[in-house]
Protein backbone atom coordinates (compact mmCIF):
# COMPACT_ATOMS: atom_id res chain seq x y z
CA MET A 1 -27.82 -13.80 -17.53
CA THR A 2 -24.79 -13.47 -19.82
CA THR A 3 -21.31 -12.61 -18.46
CA GLN A 4 -21.49 -9.21 -20.10
CA THR A 5 -24.88 -8.50 -18.67
CA ALA A 6 -23.67 -9.61 -15.20
CA HIS A 7 -20.62 -7.37 -15.46
CA LYS A 8 -22.74 -4.38 -16.46
CA GLN A 9 -25.07 -5.05 -13.51
CA GLN A 10 -22.07 -5.20 -11.19
CA ASN A 11 -20.78 -1.88 -12.50
CA ASN A 12 -24.23 -0.30 -12.01
CA ASP A 13 -24.41 -1.59 -8.50
CA LEU A 14 -20.94 -0.26 -7.76
CA LYS A 15 -21.81 3.20 -9.09
CA ALA A 16 -25.11 3.24 -7.20
CA GLY A 17 -23.37 2.19 -3.97
CA ILE A 18 -20.69 4.97 -4.40
CA ILE A 19 -23.32 7.59 -4.98
CA ARG A 20 -25.23 6.35 -1.88
CA ARG A 21 -22.17 6.68 0.25
CA MET A 22 -21.25 10.12 -1.15
CA VAL A 23 -24.79 11.35 -0.32
CA GLN A 24 -24.45 9.96 3.21
CA VAL A 25 -21.18 11.70 3.81
CA LEU A 26 -22.47 15.06 2.41
CA ILE A 27 -25.61 14.85 4.52
CA THR A 28 -23.43 14.11 7.60
CA ILE A 29 -21.27 17.21 6.96
CA LEU A 30 -24.36 19.31 6.41
CA ILE A 31 -25.89 18.16 9.69
CA GLN A 32 -22.62 18.87 11.55
CA ALA A 33 -22.45 22.39 10.08
CA VAL A 34 -26.10 23.06 11.11
CA VAL A 35 -25.45 21.72 14.60
CA LEU A 36 -22.33 23.86 15.04
CA PHE A 37 -23.84 27.13 13.87
CA LEU A 38 -27.25 26.66 15.51
CA SER A 39 -25.56 25.83 18.81
CA ALA A 40 -23.31 28.82 18.52
CA GLY A 41 -26.17 31.13 17.45
CA THR A 42 -24.10 32.75 14.79
CA LEU A 43 -22.42 32.13 11.40
CA ARG A 44 -19.50 34.31 12.34
CA TRP A 45 -17.37 31.59 13.92
CA TRP A 46 -14.16 31.01 12.04
CA ASP A 47 -13.23 27.85 14.04
CA ALA A 48 -16.41 26.16 12.80
CA TRP A 49 -15.81 27.21 9.14
CA VAL A 50 -12.26 25.91 9.27
CA TYR A 51 -13.52 22.64 10.72
CA VAL A 52 -16.06 22.25 7.89
CA GLY A 53 -13.43 23.13 5.38
CA ILE A 54 -10.94 20.61 6.71
CA TYR A 55 -13.70 17.99 6.77
CA LEU A 56 -14.66 18.63 3.19
CA ALA A 57 -11.08 18.71 1.99
CA GLY A 58 -10.30 15.45 3.82
CA VAL A 59 -13.30 13.74 2.34
CA ALA A 60 -12.40 14.92 -1.19
CA VAL A 61 -8.78 13.67 -0.92
CA ASN A 62 -9.86 10.41 0.61
CA ALA A 63 -12.39 9.91 -2.16
CA VAL A 64 -9.77 10.38 -4.89
CA PHE A 65 -7.69 7.54 -3.50
CA MET A 66 -10.54 5.33 -2.58
CA LEU A 67 -12.20 5.58 -5.97
CA ARG A 68 -8.98 4.49 -7.61
CA LEU A 69 -7.90 1.77 -5.09
CA ASN A 70 -10.89 0.44 -3.12
CA PRO A 71 -14.20 1.55 -4.67
CA GLU A 72 -15.92 -1.62 -3.27
CA THR A 73 -15.01 -0.45 0.29
CA ILE A 74 -16.96 2.78 -0.39
CA VAL A 75 -20.00 0.64 -1.20
CA GLU A 76 -19.46 -1.46 1.89
CA ARG A 77 -19.32 1.63 4.12
CA GLY A 78 -22.53 2.96 2.60
CA GLY A 79 -24.54 -0.29 3.09
CA ALA A 80 -22.89 -1.90 6.07
CA ALA A 81 -25.84 -0.97 8.41
CA ALA A 82 -28.13 -3.27 6.38
CA SER A 83 -25.83 -6.26 6.85
CA THR A 84 -27.42 -9.22 8.54
CA ASN A 85 -24.21 -10.17 10.51
CA TRP A 86 -23.54 -6.76 12.03
CA LYS A 87 -22.67 -7.49 15.65
CA GLU A 88 -25.52 -6.59 18.03
CA TRP A 89 -23.19 -5.05 20.71
CA ASP A 90 -21.76 -2.78 17.95
CA LYS A 91 -25.12 -1.41 17.10
CA ILE A 92 -25.15 0.09 20.62
CA VAL A 93 -21.39 0.99 20.95
CA GLY A 94 -21.27 2.41 17.51
CA ILE A 95 -24.34 4.51 17.93
CA VAL A 96 -23.11 5.92 21.21
CA PHE A 97 -19.84 6.93 19.57
CA ALA A 98 -21.58 8.45 16.59
CA VAL A 99 -23.84 10.66 18.84
CA LEU A 100 -20.99 11.82 20.96
CA TYR A 101 -18.51 12.41 18.09
CA PHE A 102 -20.82 13.86 15.38
CA ILE A 103 -23.27 15.66 17.70
CA GLY A 104 -22.11 15.86 21.31
CA ILE A 105 -18.76 17.56 20.74
CA LEU A 106 -20.27 20.06 18.32
CA VAL A 107 -23.29 20.99 20.46
CA VAL A 108 -21.16 21.61 23.58
CA ALA A 109 -18.50 23.52 21.56
CA GLY A 110 -21.17 25.63 19.96
CA LEU A 111 -22.88 26.47 23.26
CA ASP A 112 -19.44 27.26 24.71
CA GLU A 113 -18.84 29.74 21.91
CA ARG A 114 -22.27 31.29 22.41
CA PHE A 115 -22.02 31.66 26.24
CA GLY A 116 -18.30 31.93 26.70
CA TRP A 117 -17.93 29.17 29.29
CA THR A 118 -14.24 28.51 28.51
CA GLY A 119 -13.03 32.02 27.66
CA GLN A 120 -10.14 32.68 25.41
CA ILE A 121 -7.71 29.94 24.41
CA GLY A 122 -4.40 30.91 22.94
CA LEU A 123 -3.81 30.94 19.15
CA VAL A 124 -1.03 28.40 19.48
CA THR A 125 -3.41 25.91 21.13
CA HIS A 126 -5.87 26.40 18.22
CA ILE A 127 -3.14 25.87 15.65
CA VAL A 128 -1.68 22.76 17.30
CA ALA A 129 -5.18 21.35 17.64
CA PHE A 130 -5.95 21.99 13.92
CA VAL A 131 -2.65 20.34 12.91
CA ALA A 132 -3.35 17.30 15.23
CA TYR A 133 -6.88 17.01 13.82
CA VAL A 134 -5.58 16.91 10.21
CA LEU A 135 -2.98 14.30 11.20
CA GLY A 136 -5.69 12.17 12.85
CA GLY A 137 -7.78 12.38 9.70
CA ALA A 138 -4.76 11.47 7.53
CA LEU A 139 -4.10 8.38 9.70
CA PHE A 140 -7.73 7.38 9.45
CA SER A 141 -7.69 7.83 5.70
CA TRP A 142 -4.41 5.80 5.39
CA ALA A 143 -5.97 2.96 7.28
CA MET A 144 -9.09 3.03 5.14
CA ILE A 145 -7.06 3.14 1.86
CA SER A 146 -4.84 0.25 3.13
CA ASN A 147 -7.65 -1.98 4.33
CA ALA A 148 -10.17 -3.22 1.74
CA TYR A 149 -12.46 -4.34 4.57
CA PHE A 150 -12.58 -1.05 6.48
CA SER A 151 -16.34 -1.04 7.27
CA THR A 152 -18.50 1.22 9.32
CA ALA A 153 -19.98 -1.90 10.99
CA VAL A 154 -18.19 -4.57 12.99
CA ARG A 155 -18.74 -7.81 11.11
CA ILE A 156 -16.95 -10.58 9.23
CA GLN A 157 -17.36 -9.82 5.57
CA ASP A 158 -17.73 -13.31 4.26
CA ASP A 159 -19.56 -11.92 1.25
CA ARG A 160 -16.37 -10.07 0.28
CA GLY A 161 -13.79 -12.66 1.14
CA HIS A 162 -12.65 -11.00 4.36
CA THR A 163 -8.95 -11.42 5.02
CA VAL A 164 -6.44 -9.98 7.44
CA CYS A 165 -4.82 -6.62 6.54
CA ASN A 166 -1.25 -6.11 7.68
CA ALA A 167 -0.27 -3.32 5.23
CA GLY A 168 0.23 0.36 5.73
CA PRO A 169 -0.43 1.52 9.34
CA TYR A 170 -1.57 -1.98 10.25
CA ARG A 171 2.20 -2.87 10.48
CA PHE A 172 2.34 -0.84 13.65
CA VAL A 173 -0.97 -1.16 15.47
CA ARG A 174 -4.02 -3.40 14.78
CA HIS A 175 -6.59 -0.63 14.73
CA PRO A 176 -4.94 2.53 13.26
CA GLY A 177 -8.18 3.96 12.07
CA TYR A 178 -9.52 4.20 15.60
CA VAL A 179 -6.25 5.80 16.66
CA GLY A 180 -6.86 8.61 14.20
CA ILE A 181 -10.47 9.15 15.32
CA ILE A 182 -9.53 9.10 19.00
CA LEU A 183 -6.90 11.74 18.29
CA GLN A 184 -9.55 13.86 16.47
CA SER A 185 -12.10 13.36 19.33
CA LEU A 186 -9.59 14.76 21.81
CA VAL A 187 -8.30 17.73 19.83
CA ALA A 188 -11.52 18.81 18.12
CA PRO A 189 -12.70 20.56 21.36
CA LEU A 190 -9.47 22.48 21.49
CA MET A 191 -9.81 23.36 17.84
CA PHE A 192 -13.14 24.97 18.80
CA GLY A 193 -11.64 26.57 21.85
CA SER A 194 -13.88 24.62 24.23
CA LEU A 195 -12.56 22.84 27.30
CA TRP A 196 -16.11 21.70 28.15
CA ALA A 197 -16.42 19.83 24.89
CA LEU A 198 -13.46 17.73 25.99
CA LEU A 199 -15.89 15.76 28.12
CA ALA A 200 -17.85 14.61 25.07
CA GLY A 201 -14.55 13.99 23.24
CA ALA A 202 -13.24 11.82 26.18
CA LEU A 203 -16.49 9.85 26.19
CA ALA A 204 -16.33 9.34 22.47
CA SER A 205 -12.72 8.06 22.85
CA LEU A 206 -13.80 5.76 25.64
CA SER A 207 -16.52 4.21 23.45
CA LEU A 208 -13.95 3.63 20.69
CA ILE A 209 -11.59 1.93 23.14
CA ILE A 210 -14.40 -0.37 24.20
CA ARG A 211 -15.26 -1.03 20.53
CA THR A 212 -11.61 -1.82 19.87
CA ALA A 213 -11.45 -4.34 22.65
CA LEU A 214 -14.68 -6.14 21.59
CA GLU A 215 -13.85 -6.02 17.82
CA ASP A 216 -10.30 -7.31 18.39
CA ARG A 217 -11.61 -10.22 20.46
CA MET A 218 -14.25 -11.00 17.79
CA LEU A 219 -11.59 -10.91 14.97
CA GLN A 220 -9.28 -13.26 16.89
CA GLU A 221 -12.16 -15.71 17.36
CA GLU A 222 -13.79 -15.50 13.85
CA LEU A 223 -11.31 -14.25 11.21
CA ASP A 224 -8.80 -16.78 9.86
CA GLY A 225 -5.19 -15.62 10.35
CA TYR A 226 -6.02 -12.75 12.82
CA SER A 227 -4.64 -14.44 15.86
CA GLU A 228 -1.30 -14.98 14.05
CA TYR A 229 -1.41 -11.29 12.95
CA ALA A 230 -2.09 -10.25 16.59
CA GLU A 231 1.03 -12.15 17.71
CA GLN A 232 3.16 -10.27 15.20
CA THR A 233 1.49 -6.85 15.70
CA ARG A 234 1.17 -6.85 19.49
CA TYR A 235 -0.56 -3.55 20.22
CA ARG A 236 -4.16 -2.58 19.51
CA LEU A 237 -3.98 1.20 19.62
CA LEU A 238 -0.86 2.58 21.32
CA PRO A 239 2.58 0.90 20.78
CA GLY A 240 4.18 -0.15 24.01
CA VAL A 241 0.96 0.31 26.01
CA TRP A 242 -2.05 -1.53 24.59
């Protein structure tokens, strides 16, 4: 195979991987919308429409930056589940989180909207929750854009020359992406006006805290330079606490 042919094949693989990931994300958003509106039993739920709109806008903005700066990371996130060195424990913890975050919160919130379990929550609470949700998404995207090895699966990416990231939000905590998602998990129920959905949000956050602890230990044991980075950036999720 000539150099030109190999380069062309790499470009084709990159494009195919990006398309695959885009399809995955769009299907995820569609499933979330279906879950929300079916659970609520109505399409006349403005909180859900705002949520879907924020999600779509966030994905679009994230895609603009990722396509320019880290297109290979998009491909990694789309095919990480097929990796042979995906940690077995993460297949459990990651799935538990995904079910709680992408399905559990939405089902409970939708049922709460249908049956009125929580009652009315003030407009200010809704607005604060929306703002916090956007901020959580922005932090998650900042972490993804900063870290070329930001995968959906916990693994050492030897095939991509995995190195330590200490740029962007990684200067402050070692797992900023998880901080953003934990924040979203806790405020999304309030965004929907559902106190009952906070239970699913809290469990989703707990699963991410467990994932953080296990992943951080794995990185210190297996990724060159990470132990030194951990000594400089002391906290995993919350500065001054842990």
